[in-house]
Amino acid sequence: MKLFVYVLSQPDKLDPLLAALASKQICGATVLESRGMARHLSHLHDADEIPILGSLRSFLNPDVAQGNVIFVILEDEKIGQVIDVIEATVANLDEPDSGIVFTIPVDFAKGLCSIGN
């Protein structure tokens, strides 16, 4: 089992993504609103105070205030399927601004949802 984490940088894709996951019988996801470090610091500091912000500022879309982090515990064999859903619904994860995916091993979980049981 793995904790699958997807940092979604395109919040307008959240609803279609969750619907696509549900259609593949992936349930039990938790969604949190998030904001990346560069965007957060750019609102608090002048670009001259933190040199890296000056170069990053041109890449930040000012119309996007936040993103989402999606957490879901999955059996190992479901990970590829979820990545396929993300890439079909949001974007190829190798492309810029498509988000970040990673997994963390889960030794124990209780109370997970299951469809059809």
N, C-alpha and C. Protein backbone atom coordinates (compact mmCIF):
# COMPACT_ATOMS: atom_id res chain seq x y z
N MET A 1 0.84 -1.18 0.00
CA MET A 1 0.00 0.00 0.00
C MET A 1 0.88 1.24 0.00
N LYS A 2 0.37 2.28 -0.67
CA LYS A 2 1.11 3.54 -0.75
C LYS A 2 0.16 4.71 -0.50
N LEU A 3 0.72 5.76 0.10
CA LEU A 3 0.03 7.04 0.13
C LEU A 3 0.45 7.75 -1.16
N PHE A 4 -0.50 7.96 -2.04
CA PHE A 4 -0.27 8.61 -3.32
C PHE A 4 -0.58 10.08 -3.13
N VAL A 5 0.37 10.94 -3.47
CA VAL A 5 0.22 12.38 -3.30
C VAL A 5 0.38 13.05 -4.66
N TYR A 6 -0.59 13.87 -5.01
CA TYR A 6 -0.52 14.62 -6.26
C TYR A 6 -0.69 16.10 -5.95
N VAL A 7 0.32 16.88 -6.29
CA VAL A 7 0.25 18.33 -6.14
C VAL A 7 -0.24 18.88 -7.47
N LEU A 8 -1.48 19.31 -7.48
CA LEU A 8 -2.16 19.78 -8.69
C LEU A 8 -2.02 21.29 -8.77
N SER A 9 -1.38 21.77 -9.81
CA SER A 9 -1.17 23.22 -9.95
C SER A 9 -2.22 23.89 -10.84
N GLN A 10 -3.18 23.12 -11.31
CA GLN A 10 -4.26 23.65 -12.16
C GLN A 10 -5.60 23.39 -11.47
N PRO A 11 -6.00 24.27 -10.55
CA PRO A 11 -7.21 23.99 -9.76
C PRO A 11 -8.48 23.83 -10.58
N ASP A 12 -8.52 24.36 -11.80
CA ASP A 12 -9.70 24.19 -12.64
C ASP A 12 -9.86 22.75 -13.12
N LYS A 13 -8.83 21.94 -12.96
CA LYS A 13 -8.88 20.53 -13.36
C LYS A 13 -9.28 19.60 -12.20
N LEU A 14 -9.48 20.16 -11.00
CA LEU A 14 -9.77 19.33 -9.84
C LEU A 14 -11.05 18.52 -10.00
N ASP A 15 -12.16 19.16 -10.33
CA ASP A 15 -13.43 18.44 -10.43
C ASP A 15 -13.40 17.36 -11.52
N PRO A 16 -12.90 17.68 -12.73
CA PRO A 16 -12.83 16.61 -13.74
C PRO A 16 -11.91 15.46 -13.31
N LEU A 17 -10.83 15.78 -12.61
CA LEU A 17 -9.91 14.73 -12.16
C LEU A 17 -10.58 13.83 -11.13
N LEU A 18 -11.25 14.41 -10.14
CA LEU A 18 -11.92 13.60 -9.12
C LEU A 18 -13.02 12.74 -9.74
N ALA A 19 -13.75 13.30 -10.70
CA ALA A 19 -14.80 12.52 -11.38
C ALA A 19 -14.18 11.36 -12.16
N ALA A 20 -13.06 11.61 -12.83
CA ALA A 20 -12.40 10.54 -13.58
C ALA A 20 -11.87 9.46 -12.65
N LEU A 21 -11.33 9.86 -11.50
CA LEU A 21 -10.86 8.86 -10.52
C LEU A 21 -12.03 8.03 -10.02
N ALA A 22 -13.15 8.68 -9.70
CA ALA A 22 -14.33 7.96 -9.21
C ALA A 22 -14.84 6.98 -10.27
N SER A 23 -14.76 7.36 -11.54
CA SER A 23 -15.23 6.46 -12.60
C SER A 23 -14.35 5.22 -12.71
N LYS A 24 -13.13 5.30 -12.20
CA LYS A 24 -12.22 4.14 -12.19
C LYS A 24 -12.23 3.44 -10.83
N GLN A 25 -13.24 3.79 -10.01
CA GLN A 25 -13.43 3.20 -8.69
C GLN A 25 -12.28 3.48 -7.73
N ILE A 26 -11.69 4.66 -7.87
CA ILE A 26 -10.69 5.15 -6.92
C ILE A 26 -11.45 6.06 -5.96
N CYS A 27 -11.47 5.71 -4.69
CA CYS A 27 -12.25 6.48 -3.72
C CYS A 27 -11.39 6.82 -2.51
N GLY A 28 -11.92 7.68 -1.67
CA GLY A 28 -11.27 8.00 -0.41
C GLY A 28 -10.20 9.07 -0.48
N ALA A 29 -10.17 9.84 -1.56
CA ALA A 29 -9.17 10.90 -1.68
C ALA A 29 -9.51 12.06 -0.75
N THR A 30 -8.47 12.71 -0.27
CA THR A 30 -8.60 13.93 0.52
C THR A 30 -7.94 15.04 -0.26
N VAL A 31 -8.59 16.20 -0.32
CA VAL A 31 -8.08 17.33 -1.09
C VAL A 31 -7.83 18.50 -0.15
N LEU A 32 -6.63 19.06 -0.23
CA LEU A 32 -6.27 20.25 0.54
C LEU A 32 -5.90 21.37 -0.42
N GLU A 33 -6.27 22.61 -0.08
CA GLU A 33 -5.81 23.75 -0.86
C GLU A 33 -4.36 24.01 -0.50
N SER A 34 -3.57 24.45 -1.48
CA SER A 34 -2.15 24.67 -1.23
C SER A 34 -1.64 25.86 -2.03
N ARG A 35 -0.47 26.31 -1.61
CA ARG A 35 0.24 27.37 -2.33
C ARG A 35 1.72 27.07 -2.21
N GLY A 36 2.43 27.10 -3.30
CA GLY A 36 3.85 26.79 -3.31
C GLY A 36 4.69 27.85 -2.63
N MET A 37 5.90 27.48 -2.29
CA MET A 37 6.82 28.36 -1.57
C MET A 37 7.10 29.65 -2.33
N ALA A 38 7.40 29.56 -3.62
CA ALA A 38 7.73 30.76 -4.39
C ALA A 38 6.55 31.72 -4.44
N ARG A 39 5.35 31.19 -4.67
CA ARG A 39 4.17 32.06 -4.72
C ARG A 39 3.91 32.70 -3.36
N HIS A 40 4.05 31.93 -2.31
CA HIS A 40 3.83 32.47 -0.96
C HIS A 40 4.82 33.58 -0.65
N LEU A 41 6.09 33.33 -0.90
CA LEU A 41 7.11 34.34 -0.61
C LEU A 41 6.97 35.57 -1.49
N SER A 42 6.50 35.39 -2.71
CA SER A 42 6.36 36.54 -3.62
C SER A 42 5.31 37.52 -3.11
N HIS A 43 4.35 37.04 -2.33
CA HIS A 43 3.33 37.93 -1.77
C HIS A 43 3.83 38.63 -0.51
N LEU A 44 4.86 38.09 0.12
CA LEU A 44 5.34 38.64 1.38
C LEU A 44 6.57 39.53 1.25
N HIS A 45 7.35 39.32 0.19
CA HIS A 45 8.63 40.00 0.08
C HIS A 45 8.79 40.63 -1.29
N ASP A 46 9.63 41.64 -1.32
CA ASP A 46 10.03 42.26 -2.58
C ASP A 46 11.00 41.32 -3.29
N ALA A 47 11.01 41.32 -4.60
CA ALA A 47 11.90 40.43 -5.36
C ALA A 47 13.36 40.67 -5.03
N ASP A 48 13.71 41.89 -4.64
CA ASP A 48 15.11 42.19 -4.31
C ASP A 48 15.53 41.54 -2.99
N GLU A 49 14.59 41.29 -2.09
CA GLU A 49 14.92 40.71 -0.79
C GLU A 49 15.31 39.24 -0.91
N ILE A 50 14.66 38.53 -1.80
CA ILE A 50 14.94 37.11 -2.00
C ILE A 50 15.27 36.94 -3.49
N PRO A 51 16.57 36.85 -3.82
CA PRO A 51 17.00 36.89 -5.23
C PRO A 51 16.30 35.87 -6.13
N ILE A 52 16.03 34.69 -5.65
CA ILE A 52 15.41 33.68 -6.51
C ILE A 52 14.01 34.09 -6.96
N LEU A 53 13.35 34.94 -6.18
CA LEU A 53 11.99 35.35 -6.53
C LEU A 53 11.96 36.16 -7.81
N GLY A 54 12.97 36.99 -8.04
CA GLY A 54 12.99 37.80 -9.25
C GLY A 54 12.92 36.94 -10.50
N SER A 55 13.67 35.85 -10.51
CA SER A 55 13.67 34.98 -11.68
C SER A 55 12.42 34.11 -11.75
N LEU A 56 11.85 33.75 -10.61
CA LEU A 56 10.65 32.91 -10.60
C LEU A 56 9.38 33.70 -10.88
N ARG A 57 9.40 34.97 -10.54
CA ARG A 57 8.19 35.77 -10.67
C ARG A 57 7.61 35.72 -12.09
N SER A 58 8.48 35.67 -13.09
CA SER A 58 7.99 35.66 -14.47
C SER A 58 7.28 34.35 -14.82
N PHE A 59 7.51 33.29 -14.04
CA PHE A 59 6.88 32.00 -14.32
C PHE A 59 5.57 31.82 -13.56
N LEU A 60 5.32 32.65 -12.57
CA LEU A 60 4.12 32.49 -11.76
C LEU A 60 2.92 33.12 -12.46
N ASN A 61 1.88 32.36 -12.58
CA ASN A 61 0.65 32.87 -13.18
C ASN A 61 -0.10 33.66 -12.12
N PRO A 62 -0.23 34.98 -12.28
CA PRO A 62 -0.87 35.79 -11.24
C PRO A 62 -2.35 35.47 -11.05
N ASP A 63 -2.97 34.82 -12.03
CA ASP A 63 -4.39 34.49 -11.92
C ASP A 63 -4.65 33.24 -11.09
N VAL A 64 -3.60 32.48 -10.78
CA VAL A 64 -3.76 31.25 -10.00
C VAL A 64 -3.24 31.51 -8.60
N ALA A 65 -4.16 31.61 -7.65
CA ALA A 65 -3.77 31.92 -6.28
C ALA A 65 -3.36 30.68 -5.50
N GLN A 66 -3.88 29.55 -5.89
CA GLN A 66 -3.60 28.34 -5.11
C GLN A 66 -3.72 27.11 -5.99
N GLY A 67 -3.27 26.01 -5.45
CA GLY A 67 -3.43 24.72 -6.10
C GLY A 67 -4.10 23.78 -5.12
N ASN A 68 -3.94 22.50 -5.37
CA ASN A 68 -4.52 21.49 -4.50
C ASN A 68 -3.53 20.36 -4.31
N VAL A 69 -3.60 19.74 -3.16
CA VAL A 69 -2.85 18.51 -2.91
C VAL A 69 -3.88 17.42 -2.66
N ILE A 70 -3.76 16.35 -3.43
CA ILE A 70 -4.69 15.23 -3.34
C ILE A 70 -3.95 14.05 -2.73
N PHE A 71 -4.50 13.51 -1.66
CA PHE A 71 -3.94 12.35 -0.98
C PHE A 71 -4.91 11.18 -1.14
N VAL A 72 -4.39 10.01 -1.45
CA VAL A 72 -5.23 8.83 -1.48
C VAL A 72 -4.36 7.60 -1.21
N ILE A 73 -4.84 6.71 -0.38
CA ILE A 73 -4.11 5.46 -0.12
C ILE A 73 -4.54 4.44 -1.16
N LEU A 74 -3.54 3.85 -1.82
CA LEU A 74 -3.80 2.93 -2.93
C LEU A 74 -3.03 1.63 -2.76
N GLU A 75 -3.61 0.58 -3.29
CA GLU A 75 -2.83 -0.65 -3.47
C GLU A 75 -1.81 -0.37 -4.56
N ASP A 76 -0.65 -1.00 -4.47
CA ASP A 76 0.44 -0.73 -5.40
C ASP A 76 0.01 -0.85 -6.87
N GLU A 77 -0.82 -1.83 -7.17
CA GLU A 77 -1.20 -2.06 -8.57
C GLU A 77 -2.10 -0.96 -9.14
N LYS A 78 -2.65 -0.09 -8.30
CA LYS A 78 -3.52 1.00 -8.77
C LYS A 78 -2.75 2.27 -9.14
N ILE A 79 -1.48 2.34 -8.77
CA ILE A 79 -0.72 3.58 -8.96
C ILE A 79 -0.61 3.94 -10.44
N GLY A 80 -0.27 3.00 -11.29
CA GLY A 80 -0.18 3.28 -12.72
C GLY A 80 -1.49 3.75 -13.31
N GLN A 81 -2.59 3.16 -12.84
CA GLN A 81 -3.91 3.54 -13.32
C GLN A 81 -4.22 4.99 -12.94
N VAL A 82 -3.87 5.39 -11.72
CA VAL A 82 -4.13 6.76 -11.28
C VAL A 82 -3.27 7.74 -12.07
N ILE A 83 -2.02 7.40 -12.32
CA ILE A 83 -1.17 8.26 -13.13
C ILE A 83 -1.75 8.41 -14.54
N ASP A 84 -2.25 7.32 -15.11
CA ASP A 84 -2.88 7.40 -16.43
C ASP A 84 -4.08 8.34 -16.42
N VAL A 85 -4.89 8.28 -15.36
CA VAL A 85 -6.06 9.16 -15.24
C VAL A 85 -5.60 10.61 -15.14
N ILE A 86 -4.59 10.88 -14.34
CA ILE A 86 -4.07 12.25 -14.21
C ILE A 86 -3.59 12.76 -15.56
N GLU A 87 -2.82 11.94 -16.27
CA GLU A 87 -2.27 12.39 -17.55
C GLU A 87 -3.35 12.55 -18.62
N ALA A 88 -4.41 11.79 -18.54
CA ALA A 88 -5.52 11.93 -19.50
C ALA A 88 -6.40 13.13 -19.17
N THR A 89 -6.48 13.48 -17.89
CA THR A 89 -7.40 14.52 -17.44
C THR A 89 -6.73 15.88 -17.27
N VAL A 90 -5.51 15.89 -16.77
CA VAL A 90 -4.83 17.15 -16.45
C VAL A 90 -3.76 17.45 -17.50
N ALA A 91 -2.69 16.68 -17.50
CA ALA A 91 -1.58 16.90 -18.44
C ALA A 91 -0.56 15.81 -18.26
N ASN A 92 0.31 15.66 -19.25
CA ASN A 92 1.44 14.76 -19.14
C ASN A 92 2.33 15.26 -18.00
N LEU A 93 2.63 14.40 -17.06
CA LEU A 93 3.39 14.81 -15.88
C LEU A 93 4.83 15.19 -16.19
N ASP A 94 5.29 14.92 -17.40
CA ASP A 94 6.63 15.35 -17.81
C ASP A 94 6.63 16.79 -18.31
N GLU A 95 5.46 17.37 -18.49
CA GLU A 95 5.34 18.74 -18.98
C GLU A 95 5.35 19.73 -17.81
N PRO A 96 5.82 20.97 -18.06
CA PRO A 96 5.79 21.99 -17.01
C PRO A 96 4.36 22.29 -16.56
N ASP A 97 4.21 22.67 -15.32
CA ASP A 97 2.93 23.08 -14.74
C ASP A 97 1.88 21.98 -14.75
N SER A 98 2.34 20.73 -14.75
CA SER A 98 1.39 19.61 -14.71
C SER A 98 1.23 19.05 -13.31
N GLY A 99 2.09 19.46 -12.40
CA GLY A 99 2.02 18.99 -11.03
C GLY A 99 3.13 18.02 -10.69
N ILE A 100 3.08 17.55 -9.47
CA ILE A 100 4.09 16.63 -8.95
C ILE A 100 3.37 15.44 -8.32
N VAL A 101 3.88 14.25 -8.59
CA VAL A 101 3.33 13.02 -8.01
C VAL A 101 4.44 12.31 -7.26
N PHE A 102 4.09 11.79 -6.08
CA PHE A 102 5.02 10.91 -5.37
C PHE A 102 4.22 9.98 -4.47
N THR A 103 4.87 8.91 -4.03
CA THR A 103 4.22 7.97 -3.12
C THR A 103 5.08 7.78 -1.88
N ILE A 104 4.41 7.39 -0.81
CA ILE A 104 5.06 7.08 0.46
C ILE A 104 4.52 5.73 0.92
N PRO A 105 5.40 4.81 1.33
CA PRO A 105 4.91 3.51 1.80
C PRO A 105 3.99 3.67 3.02
N VAL A 106 2.95 2.85 3.05
CA VAL A 106 2.01 2.83 4.18
C VAL A 106 2.08 1.43 4.78
N ASP A 107 2.46 1.36 6.04
CA ASP A 107 2.56 0.07 6.73
C ASP A 107 1.22 -0.40 7.28
N PHE A 108 0.35 0.56 7.62
CA PHE A 108 -0.92 0.20 8.23
C PHE A 108 -1.95 1.27 7.89
N ALA A 109 -3.15 0.84 7.58
CA ALA A 109 -4.28 1.75 7.38
C ALA A 109 -5.55 1.00 7.72
N LYS A 110 -6.47 1.69 8.35
CA LYS A 110 -7.76 1.09 8.71
C LYS A 110 -8.84 2.11 8.41
N GLY A 111 -10.00 1.64 7.99
CA GLY A 111 -11.11 2.53 7.70
C GLY A 111 -11.10 3.08 6.29
N LEU A 112 -10.39 2.41 5.39
CA LEU A 112 -10.33 2.86 4.01
C LEU A 112 -11.63 2.54 3.29
N CYS A 113 -11.95 3.37 2.31
CA CYS A 113 -13.16 3.10 1.51
C CYS A 113 -12.88 1.97 0.54
N SER A 114 -13.92 1.28 0.19
CA SER A 114 -13.81 0.27 -0.86
C SER A 114 -15.13 0.27 -1.61
N ILE A 115 -15.04 0.22 -2.90
CA ILE A 115 -16.24 0.24 -3.74
C ILE A 115 -16.67 -1.20 -4.00
N GLY A 116 -17.94 -1.46 -3.76
CA GLY A 116 -18.48 -2.79 -4.03
C GLY A 116 -18.43 -3.73 -2.84
N ASN A 117 -17.96 -3.26 -1.70
CA ASN A 117 -17.93 -4.12 -0.50
C ASN A 117 -18.86 -3.58 0.55
